[in-house]
Amino acid sequence: MKRLVRGYAKHFTRWLTGEAVYVRALDIELKNQHLFADALLEVLLHGQPGLLHIEFQAYDDPDMEMRLLEYNVLASRQYGHLPVYSYVIYLRKAGKIAESPLVRTFPNGEEVHRFFYRVVKLWEIPAEALLQTGWMGVLPLVTLTAGGKQPEVVREMIG
């Protein structure tokens, strides 16, 4: 089948799409990159296994949505196709903020992908919300939250 498509690529292009114009055949080996997520955790949500994927972002990354999608798919594939809950935590306002969902379409408007992820903008979260948790792991983020730089808030955070 691969040889057939390679030999008659124009025919397959017209048959399957009707409108697309064949340009050239590409290498069929899809390269696998070594990618490293900031955090990937196994979780149970409502008693069901899943993965929690976290990316921290401190600067503008125009490819953030695509990175999240790529990490999400690769993580799910690597761990038995478990659902992956992807989060991007913005540490500060810096350029364009990725907003869920990522929607990719063909030029004719037909949808190809719709990928949902969660966005956390630390500067929009009241400092008190993190302080109230009492969780040591999130306390270092308090100074990045709304009101988190206030001297009394910093004292409470380190106290």
Protein backbone atom coordinates (compact mmCIF):
# COMPACT_ATOMS: atom_id res chain seq x y z
CA MET A 1 0.00 0.00 0.00
CA LYS A 2 2.87 2.35 0.80
CA ARG A 3 4.40 1.76 -2.66
CA LEU A 4 1.03 2.26 -4.29
CA VAL A 5 0.52 5.64 -2.63
CA ARG A 6 4.10 6.64 -3.37
CA GLY A 7 3.66 5.73 -7.03
CA TYR A 8 0.27 7.41 -7.44
CA ALA A 9 0.38 10.18 -4.86
CA LYS A 10 -1.54 12.63 -7.09
CA HIS A 11 -4.38 10.14 -7.48
CA PHE A 12 -4.67 9.53 -3.74
CA THR A 13 -4.50 13.27 -3.06
CA ARG A 14 -7.38 14.02 -5.42
CA TRP A 15 -9.41 10.99 -4.35
CA LEU A 16 -9.20 11.70 -0.61
CA THR A 17 -9.36 15.49 -0.58
CA GLY A 18 -10.92 16.47 -3.88
CA GLU A 19 -9.41 19.95 -3.63
CA ALA A 20 -5.80 19.60 -2.47
CA VAL A 21 -2.96 19.79 -4.98
CA TYR A 22 -0.19 17.22 -4.53
CA VAL A 23 3.20 18.90 -3.97
CA ARG A 24 5.64 16.16 -2.98
CA ALA A 25 6.03 13.00 -0.92
CA LEU A 26 7.73 13.42 2.45
CA ASP A 27 9.81 11.06 4.57
CA ILE A 28 7.36 8.68 6.21
CA GLU A 29 9.56 8.24 9.29
CA LEU A 30 8.16 10.59 11.91
CA LYS A 31 11.05 11.67 14.08
CA ASN A 32 10.71 11.20 17.80
CA GLN A 33 12.26 13.99 19.82
CA HIS A 34 13.49 13.77 23.35
CA LEU A 35 11.09 16.11 25.10
CA PHE A 36 11.02 16.85 28.80
CA ALA A 37 7.88 18.08 30.51
CA ASP A 38 8.26 20.22 33.62
CA ALA A 39 6.19 17.72 35.61
CA LEU A 40 4.28 14.54 34.83
CA LEU A 41 2.40 12.90 37.71
CA GLU A 42 0.25 9.80 37.93
CA VAL A 43 -3.07 10.66 39.57
CA LEU A 44 -6.49 9.24 40.36
CA LEU A 45 -9.40 11.50 39.48
CA HIS A 46 -12.86 10.29 40.53
CA GLY A 47 -11.24 6.91 41.17
CA GLN A 48 -9.89 6.68 37.61
CA PRO A 49 -6.18 6.69 36.72
CA GLY A 50 -4.77 9.58 34.74
CA LEU A 51 -1.75 11.82 34.31
CA LEU A 52 -1.25 15.38 35.46
CA HIS A 53 1.05 17.34 33.15
CA ILE A 54 2.35 20.72 34.36
CA GLU A 55 4.34 23.32 32.43
CA PHE A 56 5.64 26.47 34.10
CA GLN A 57 6.02 29.47 31.85
CA ALA A 58 7.90 32.68 32.69
CA TYR A 59 8.26 34.18 29.22
CA ASP A 60 6.36 34.49 25.96
CA ASP A 61 6.29 31.22 24.03
CA PRO A 62 4.27 31.44 20.81
CA ASP A 63 4.39 27.63 20.54
CA MET A 64 3.03 26.93 24.03
CA GLU A 65 -0.29 25.49 22.85
CA MET A 66 1.39 23.13 20.40
CA ARG A 67 3.97 22.07 23.02
CA LEU A 68 1.18 21.25 25.46
CA LEU A 69 -0.63 19.21 22.82
CA GLU A 70 2.55 17.35 21.87
CA TYR A 71 3.46 16.57 25.48
CA ASN A 72 -0.12 15.50 26.18
CA VAL A 73 -0.25 13.03 23.29
CA LEU A 74 3.23 11.63 23.91
CA ALA A 75 2.62 11.19 27.65
CA SER A 76 -0.69 9.43 27.06
CA ARG A 77 0.91 7.14 24.51
CA GLN A 78 3.87 6.32 26.76
CA TYR A 79 1.66 5.49 29.75
CA GLY A 80 -1.00 3.20 28.35
CA HIS A 81 -3.18 5.90 26.76
CA LEU A 82 -4.25 7.30 30.12
CA PRO A 83 -6.05 10.65 29.96
CA VAL A 84 -3.67 13.56 30.52
CA TYR A 85 -4.76 16.73 32.29
CA SER A 86 -2.44 19.46 31.01
CA TYR A 87 -1.84 22.71 32.90
CA VAL A 88 0.31 25.69 32.01
CA ILE A 89 1.14 27.87 35.01
CA TYR A 90 2.18 31.37 33.99
CA LEU A 91 4.55 32.81 36.57
CA ARG A 92 4.23 36.38 35.26
CA LYS A 93 2.56 38.36 32.51
CA ALA A 94 4.83 38.13 29.50
CA GLY A 95 3.49 38.54 26.00
CA LYS A 96 0.80 36.29 24.60
CA ILE A 97 -0.90 33.96 27.06
CA ALA A 98 -2.09 30.66 25.62
CA GLU A 99 -5.85 30.23 26.04
CA SER A 100 -7.72 26.95 25.92
CA PRO A 101 -8.87 25.34 23.74
CA LEU A 102 -6.35 25.09 20.93
CA VAL A 103 -8.39 24.76 17.74
CA ARG A 104 -6.65 23.91 14.49
CA THR A 105 -8.50 24.01 11.19
CA PHE A 106 -7.93 23.33 7.54
CA PRO A 107 -8.03 26.40 5.27
CA ASN A 108 -11.69 25.62 4.49
CA GLY A 109 -12.55 25.98 8.19
CA GLU A 110 -13.01 22.26 8.86
CA GLU A 111 -11.76 21.47 12.36
CA VAL A 112 -8.77 19.16 12.70
CA HIS A 113 -7.96 19.32 16.43
CA ARG A 114 -9.61 20.69 19.54
CA PHE A 115 -7.36 20.40 22.58
CA PHE A 116 -8.40 21.55 26.03
CA TYR A 117 -5.93 22.42 28.75
CA ARG A 118 -5.99 24.55 31.89
CA VAL A 119 -4.30 27.93 32.25
CA VAL A 120 -3.23 29.33 35.63
CA LYS A 121 -2.26 33.00 35.69
CA LEU A 122 -0.61 33.44 39.08
CA TRP A 123 -0.97 37.25 39.07
CA GLU A 124 -4.77 36.81 38.97
CA ILE A 125 -4.91 34.50 42.00
CA PRO A 126 -5.28 36.24 45.37
CA ALA A 127 -2.28 35.57 47.62
CA GLU A 128 -4.66 34.45 50.34
CA ALA A 129 -5.87 31.56 48.17
CA LEU A 130 -2.42 29.96 48.25
CA LEU A 131 -1.64 30.94 51.82
CA GLN A 132 -4.83 29.30 53.07
CA THR A 133 -3.79 25.94 51.66
CA GLY A 134 -0.83 25.78 54.04
CA TRP A 135 0.90 23.56 51.48
CA MET A 136 4.65 24.07 51.54
CA GLY A 137 4.93 23.16 47.86
CA VAL A 138 2.85 26.08 46.63
CA LEU A 139 3.96 28.71 49.17
CA PRO A 140 6.98 29.81 47.06
CA LEU A 141 4.48 30.92 44.40
CA VAL A 142 2.72 33.37 46.76
CA THR A 143 4.96 36.33 45.84
CA LEU A 144 3.84 35.92 42.22
CA THR A 145 0.14 36.17 43.08
CA ALA A 146 -2.13 39.22 43.36
CA GLY A 147 -1.03 41.03 46.49
CA GLY A 148 1.73 38.53 47.10
CA LYS A 149 4.48 41.14 47.31
CA GLN A 150 2.89 42.96 50.26
CA PRO A 151 5.27 42.83 53.27
CA GLU A 152 2.64 41.32 55.56
CA VAL A 153 1.87 38.60 52.98
CA VAL A 154 5.55 37.76 52.57
CA ARG A 155 5.92 37.54 56.37
CA GLU A 156 2.96 35.18 56.58
CA MET A 157 4.38 33.10 53.74
CA ILE A 158 7.77 32.61 55.41
CA GLY A 159 6.32 32.41 58.93
